[in-house]
Every structure is written in C-alpha cells, then in structure tokens.
Protein backbone atom coordinates (compact mmCIF):
# COMPACT_ATOMS: atom_id res chain seq x y z
CA MET A 1 -82.92 -135.56 54.97
CA THR A 2 -81.19 -138.55 56.58
CA GLN A 3 -77.44 -138.72 56.06
CA ILE A 4 -75.62 -142.06 55.97
CA SER A 5 -71.88 -142.73 56.14
CA ILE A 6 -70.72 -145.88 54.32
CA LEU A 7 -67.32 -147.13 55.46
CA GLY A 8 -66.03 -149.08 52.50
CA CYS A 9 -67.34 -148.09 49.05
CA GLY A 10 -66.12 -151.19 47.27
CA TRP A 11 -67.85 -153.96 45.33
CA LEU A 12 -70.98 -153.71 47.49
CA GLY A 13 -70.60 -150.30 49.13
CA LEU A 14 -70.47 -148.22 45.96
CA PRO A 15 -73.63 -149.54 44.26
CA LEU A 16 -75.32 -149.45 47.68
CA ALA A 17 -74.40 -145.78 48.02
CA LYS A 18 -75.82 -145.02 44.57
CA THR A 19 -79.06 -146.83 45.43
CA LEU A 20 -79.44 -144.93 48.69
CA LEU A 21 -78.84 -141.65 46.84
CA ASN A 22 -81.66 -142.57 44.48
CA HIS A 23 -83.90 -142.95 47.54
CA SER A 24 -83.13 -139.40 48.70
CA TYR A 25 -80.52 -140.18 51.36
CA GLN A 26 -77.41 -138.03 51.63
CA ILE A 27 -74.30 -140.19 51.47
CA LYS A 28 -70.76 -139.90 52.72
CA GLY A 29 -68.53 -142.66 51.40
CA SER A 30 -65.01 -143.81 52.19
CA THR A 31 -62.33 -145.36 50.04
CA THR A 32 -58.70 -146.32 50.59
CA SER A 33 -57.78 -145.36 47.01
CA GLU A 34 -57.05 -141.79 45.96
CA ASN A 35 -58.00 -142.74 42.39
CA LYS A 36 -61.53 -143.55 43.56
CA ILE A 37 -62.22 -140.16 45.14
CA ALA A 38 -63.34 -138.74 41.80
CA VAL A 39 -65.55 -141.79 41.17
CA LEU A 40 -67.40 -141.19 44.43
CA GLU A 41 -67.66 -137.46 43.87
CA ASN A 42 -68.99 -137.86 40.34
CA SER A 43 -71.65 -140.21 41.70
CA GLY A 44 -72.93 -137.59 44.12
CA ILE A 45 -71.23 -139.15 47.15
CA SER A 46 -69.27 -136.96 49.55
CA PRO A 47 -65.87 -138.71 49.38
CA PHE A 48 -63.39 -139.41 52.18
CA LEU A 49 -59.97 -141.05 51.98
CA ILE A 50 -59.91 -143.29 55.04
CA ALA A 51 -57.89 -146.39 55.90
CA VAL A 52 -58.62 -148.40 59.04
CA SER A 53 -55.90 -150.64 60.46
CA GLU A 54 -55.37 -152.48 63.71
CA ASN A 55 -53.06 -149.64 64.74
CA GLY A 56 -55.43 -146.74 64.07
CA ILE A 57 -57.29 -144.75 61.43
CA SER A 58 -55.79 -142.55 58.75
CA GLY A 59 -57.98 -139.80 57.33
CA ASN A 60 -60.54 -137.56 58.96
CA PHE A 61 -62.88 -140.13 60.41
CA ALA A 62 -64.61 -137.65 62.72
CA ASP A 63 -65.63 -135.48 59.74
CA PHE A 64 -66.70 -138.60 57.87
CA LEU A 65 -69.20 -139.36 60.66
CA GLU A 66 -70.26 -135.76 61.39
CA GLY A 67 -73.92 -135.09 60.63
CA SER A 68 -74.74 -138.73 59.82
CA ASP A 69 -77.49 -140.63 61.61
CA ILE A 70 -76.41 -144.04 60.32
CA LEU A 71 -73.03 -145.70 59.80
CA ILE A 72 -72.78 -148.75 57.52
CA ILE A 73 -69.56 -150.71 58.11
CA ASP A 74 -68.59 -152.78 55.08
CA ILE A 75 -64.91 -153.63 55.54
CA PRO A 76 -64.34 -157.40 55.43
CA PRO A 77 -61.54 -159.08 57.38
CA LYS A 78 -58.30 -159.66 55.46
CA LEU A 79 -57.18 -162.85 57.12
CA ARG A 80 -55.99 -164.81 54.07
CA ALA A 81 -53.33 -162.28 53.14
CA ALA A 82 -49.62 -162.89 53.65
CA GLU A 83 -49.85 -160.72 56.76
CA PRO A 84 -53.30 -161.28 58.29
CA GLU A 85 -54.73 -158.39 60.29
CA ASN A 86 -56.42 -158.14 63.66
CA PHE A 87 -59.92 -157.29 62.50
CA VAL A 88 -61.28 -156.99 66.05
CA SER A 89 -58.78 -154.21 66.75
CA LYS A 90 -59.84 -152.43 63.55
CA ILE A 91 -63.46 -152.36 64.66
CA GLY A 92 -62.41 -151.41 68.18
CA ASN A 93 -60.60 -148.36 66.78
CA LEU A 94 -63.87 -147.12 65.25
CA ILE A 95 -65.94 -147.22 68.41
CA PRO A 96 -64.60 -144.13 70.29
CA PHE A 97 -65.26 -142.03 67.18
CA ILE A 98 -68.79 -143.41 66.78
CA GLU A 99 -69.54 -142.72 70.45
CA LYS A 100 -68.57 -139.05 70.06
CA SER A 101 -70.38 -138.56 66.74
CA THR A 102 -73.93 -137.85 65.64
CA VAL A 103 -74.33 -141.51 64.62
CA THR A 104 -77.04 -143.33 66.58
CA LYS A 105 -77.45 -146.41 64.35
CA VAL A 106 -74.83 -148.84 63.01
CA LEU A 107 -75.30 -151.52 60.37
CA PHE A 108 -72.44 -154.02 60.41
CA ILE A 109 -71.93 -156.25 57.38
CA SER A 110 -70.88 -159.63 58.73
CA SER A 111 -70.83 -163.14 57.32
CA THR A 112 -72.40 -166.55 57.83
CA SER A 113 -68.85 -167.78 58.49
CA VAL A 114 -69.62 -167.05 62.16
CA TYR A 115 -71.50 -170.38 62.11
CA ALA A 116 -69.63 -173.68 62.14
CA ASP A 117 -70.07 -176.25 59.38
CA ASP A 118 -71.96 -178.77 61.51
CA ASN A 119 -74.46 -180.03 58.91
CA ALA A 120 -77.36 -178.17 60.53
CA VAL A 121 -80.01 -175.69 59.46
CA VAL A 122 -78.87 -172.43 61.03
CA THR A 123 -81.13 -169.66 62.34
CA GLU A 124 -80.23 -166.54 64.30
CA ILE A 125 -81.27 -168.30 67.52
CA GLN A 126 -78.20 -170.50 67.28
CA ILE A 127 -75.20 -169.15 69.19
CA PRO A 128 -72.31 -168.99 66.70
CA ASN A 129 -69.36 -171.30 67.24
CA PRO A 130 -66.98 -170.30 64.42
CA ASP A 131 -64.57 -172.94 63.13
CA ASN A 132 -62.24 -170.54 61.28
CA GLU A 133 -60.32 -167.39 62.19
CA SER A 134 -62.38 -165.10 59.97
CA GLY A 135 -65.60 -166.24 61.62
CA ARG A 136 -64.11 -165.93 65.10
CA GLN A 137 -62.97 -162.36 64.57
CA LEU A 138 -66.23 -161.34 62.92
CA TYR A 139 -68.22 -162.73 65.84
CA VAL A 140 -66.12 -160.86 68.41
CA ALA A 141 -66.45 -157.67 66.33
CA GLU A 142 -70.23 -158.13 66.16
CA ASN A 143 -70.42 -158.30 69.94
CA LEU A 144 -68.20 -155.24 70.39
CA LEU A 145 -70.80 -153.24 68.47
CA LEU A 146 -73.92 -154.94 69.85
CA GLY A 147 -72.71 -154.46 73.41
CA ASN A 148 -72.29 -150.71 73.12
CA ALA A 149 -75.18 -148.81 74.70
CA LYS A 150 -74.34 -145.49 73.01
CA PHE A 151 -75.68 -146.57 69.62
CA GLU A 152 -78.01 -149.23 68.22
CA THR A 153 -76.55 -151.94 66.00
CA THR A 154 -78.02 -154.34 63.47
CA ILE A 155 -75.87 -157.24 62.26
CA LEU A 156 -76.34 -158.54 58.72
CA ARG A 157 -74.71 -161.93 58.10
CA PHE A 158 -74.38 -162.45 54.35
CA GLY A 159 -73.77 -165.77 52.66
CA GLY A 160 -71.35 -165.98 49.74
CA LEU A 161 -71.56 -162.81 47.65
CA ILE A 162 -72.18 -163.12 43.93
CA GLY A 163 -73.08 -160.74 41.12
CA ALA A 164 -72.80 -160.17 37.40
CA ASP A 165 -69.03 -159.71 37.69
CA ARG A 166 -68.40 -162.01 40.63
CA HIS A 167 -69.06 -165.73 40.87
CA PRO A 168 -67.05 -168.53 42.56
CA ILE A 169 -67.38 -170.83 39.53
CA LYS A 170 -64.82 -168.65 37.74
CA PHE A 171 -62.31 -169.75 40.36
CA LEU A 172 -63.55 -173.33 40.81
CA ALA A 173 -63.92 -174.30 37.12
CA GLY A 174 -61.54 -177.15 36.24
CA LYS A 175 -60.26 -177.51 39.82
CA LYS A 176 -59.76 -181.02 41.19
CA ASN A 177 -60.37 -182.66 44.57
CA LEU A 178 -62.78 -180.00 45.79
CA GLU A 179 -64.19 -180.75 49.23
CA ASN A 180 -67.77 -181.11 50.45
CA PRO A 181 -69.62 -182.08 47.26
CA ASP A 182 -72.82 -182.72 49.24
CA GLY A 183 -72.60 -179.54 51.30
CA PRO A 184 -75.35 -177.00 50.52
CA VAL A 185 -74.59 -173.65 48.87
CA ASN A 186 -75.49 -170.46 50.72
CA LEU A 187 -75.18 -167.56 48.29
CA ILE A 188 -76.73 -164.13 47.88
CA ASP A 189 -76.80 -161.84 44.87
CA GLN A 190 -75.55 -158.25 45.09
CA LYS A 191 -79.02 -156.97 44.17
CA ASP A 192 -80.50 -158.68 47.23
CA CYS A 193 -77.70 -157.43 49.50
CA ILE A 194 -78.60 -153.88 48.48
CA GLY A 195 -82.34 -154.50 48.66
CA ILE A 196 -82.10 -155.89 52.20
CA ILE A 197 -79.93 -153.01 53.45
CA LEU A 198 -82.34 -150.52 51.92
CA GLU A 199 -85.25 -152.11 53.78
CA ILE A 200 -83.39 -152.14 57.10
CA VAL A 201 -82.70 -148.42 56.70
CA ARG A 202 -86.19 -147.55 55.44
CA GLN A 203 -87.94 -149.55 58.16
CA GLN A 204 -85.52 -148.41 60.90
CA CYS A 205 -84.94 -152.01 61.91
CA TRP A 206 -82.27 -151.82 64.61
CA ASN A 207 -81.01 -154.03 67.44
CA GLU A 208 -81.45 -157.08 65.21
CA VAL A 209 -79.32 -159.90 63.81
CA PHE A 210 -80.24 -161.24 60.37
CA ASN A 211 -79.02 -164.15 58.28
CA ALA A 212 -79.08 -163.29 54.58
CA ALA A 213 -78.75 -166.02 51.99
CA ALA A 214 -81.08 -166.85 49.12
CA PRO A 215 -83.58 -169.64 49.92
CA PHE A 216 -81.80 -171.90 47.39
CA HIS A 217 -79.51 -174.63 48.69
CA PRO A 218 -78.56 -177.31 46.13
CA SER A 219 -75.43 -179.34 46.79
CA ARG A 220 -72.09 -177.78 45.90
CA LYS A 221 -71.43 -180.49 43.32
CA LYS A 222 -74.74 -180.06 41.52
CA TYR A 223 -74.76 -176.28 41.66
CA TYR A 224 -71.20 -175.67 40.49
CA SER A 225 -71.34 -178.43 37.87
CA ASP A 226 -74.55 -176.98 36.44
CA LYS A 227 -73.14 -173.46 36.53
CA ALA A 228 -69.94 -174.54 34.77
CA THR A 229 -71.97 -176.27 32.06
CA SER A 230 -74.19 -173.23 31.51
CA LEU A 231 -71.14 -170.96 31.18
CA GLN A 232 -69.23 -173.48 29.03
CA LEU A 233 -66.44 -173.75 31.59
CA PRO A 234 -64.48 -176.88 32.57
CA LEU A 235 -66.34 -178.94 35.17
CA PRO A 236 -64.98 -178.83 38.73
CA GLN A 237 -64.01 -182.23 40.13
CA PHE A 238 -65.07 -183.09 43.69
CA ASP A 239 -63.56 -185.47 46.23
CA THR A 240 -66.38 -187.87 47.07
CA GLU A 241 -64.30 -190.06 49.38
CA LYS A 242 -64.43 -187.73 52.39
CA LYS A 243 -67.62 -186.98 54.29
CA SER A 244 -69.15 -183.66 53.31
CA VAL A 245 -69.70 -180.94 55.89
CA GLY A 246 -71.61 -177.69 55.61
CA LYS A 247 -74.65 -175.79 56.87
CA THR A 248 -77.91 -174.47 55.51
CA ILE A 249 -78.49 -170.79 56.25
CA ASP A 250 -82.12 -170.04 57.10
CA SER A 251 -83.15 -166.46 56.24
CA GLN A 252 -86.79 -166.78 57.26
CA LYS A 253 -86.46 -164.18 60.05
CA LEU A 254 -85.34 -161.56 57.53
CA ILE A 255 -88.15 -162.47 55.15
CA SER A 256 -90.74 -162.20 57.93
CA VAL A 257 -89.51 -159.13 59.82
CA LEU A 258 -88.74 -157.02 56.76
CA ASN A 259 -91.46 -158.55 54.57
CA TYR A 260 -88.66 -159.06 52.07
CA GLU A 261 -88.93 -161.07 48.88
CA PHE A 262 -85.63 -162.17 47.35
CA ILE A 263 -84.99 -160.79 43.86
CA GLU A 264 -82.68 -163.65 42.91
CA LYS A 265 -84.16 -166.85 44.36
CA GLU A 266 -82.28 -169.25 42.10
CA LEU A 267 -78.69 -168.32 41.48
C-alpha cells in the first residue's frame, strides 16, 4: 500500500488526506497545532507535530517522511504578516531530509501568482515573471524542487481557492474603490483541488507543471457583484477610472494530460 506524507493538514490538506485514505492510501499528516493532533488521529491519519521555519524544522521530520513514497507540500508563504518569512529558506530546509528519505515523488502546491498580471492568457509554456513577493518566492521554491535529481517533482499552480466555507466575496462585500473591475477571475473550488491531486497521484504524473483554475473567467466586477447579490450581501464598488490588469489562467494542459473534468465549472 502506498504511503503519502502531507506537510500541512489545513484547509486543503486535511480533507485531501481523508480523500486519499478513502482511496486506500496510508497517510501521515503534519500540523503545527497540538490541539489538531487528535483530529488527525481520529480521522485515521498518522499525526506529526511539525513546524517549518526559515531557521529550521521543529518536530521529527525524518520520521514523518520515513516509509512514504510521496510527499505533498501544502504550506503557503506567509508574506503578508507583520513579520514576513523567507519561504525559499523554508523549502530549502526540507530538501536534505527528502534526499535522505524513502520519498521519491514530491507534489508542491504552488500558486498562479507566479505569473504577472500582464493581460494575457497564461499557459505553462510561459516563463513566470512574478510581479509580487509571494509569486517570486514561490517560483524560486518551485525551481529548488524541480532542479533536484534525487526525487521527481510535480508543481501544481492553483488559482484562488474557494469552498463552502471560504469565498472572497465575504471579504469584498461592501468594499469601495476595488481595483481591476475588468480583470478576469481565476478561481478553483476545494473539491477540484482534491480531485486533481488524486488524479496526479493515481496516474503517477510526475515531472510536470500544471495550472489549475476552473475554465470560468468572468470579469471581477460582474462575478463579485453577481455573487454578492445571490448571497444578499452589500455590493462591492469598483474603481473604473484606472485601467484594469489581470491574466487568464489556461488549465487545458491539466484537462488533457489527466483527462480531468472540473467538478465546479461555474463558481
């Protein structure tokens, strides 16, 4: 039976772990919260208390990897905090442990923020040119993993993450002077995030880079106005004086290679 270690059993990692368990994979999962150890254990996940920082790793990371064929890294950069971290160093601290472990495959959860907002349709052929610090650090981290010959890496670049309990309209409702009203949305539902990861693992699709956003790209103004109306929330107000910028994330490679059909096509 294939064993998978999931670094980061949070909003996406925990339901992903449960799904993989249901498909007969053995799962080791990490959390930074002692209170969540019991949650993981009660779900059938072998729990580990692990915290990764730019200065090192606390917790038994070697045991966390031991016996696993696959490592899924799902720890997003924290660059908007009061004290932003060096995410590249965090990923760099993982690599010596991965090299010495039983892990031969790595799936790195990245973001479409590695692409600049240059009003283009973006495919994986395009070389990223990030225009923000989060995107820059993610892109460097991607290449740290892709460039390592001791394991195979697949990069999964998600658009904006949404789900039943998570949607940007809850933050944007009633806000004024929002930028880029004509910029396209690039979102992906949690169910599709999990479905895509499951297919990558099942089909053993490694040494790849995939964009992952639903094939649904209305303008920000239309989408968020419609969503606010449907949820009976105050309408967001957009600044239409400035030129809009954005990008359209093309996920056709993922659809073709994995033969994947999005569960949530209209969000």
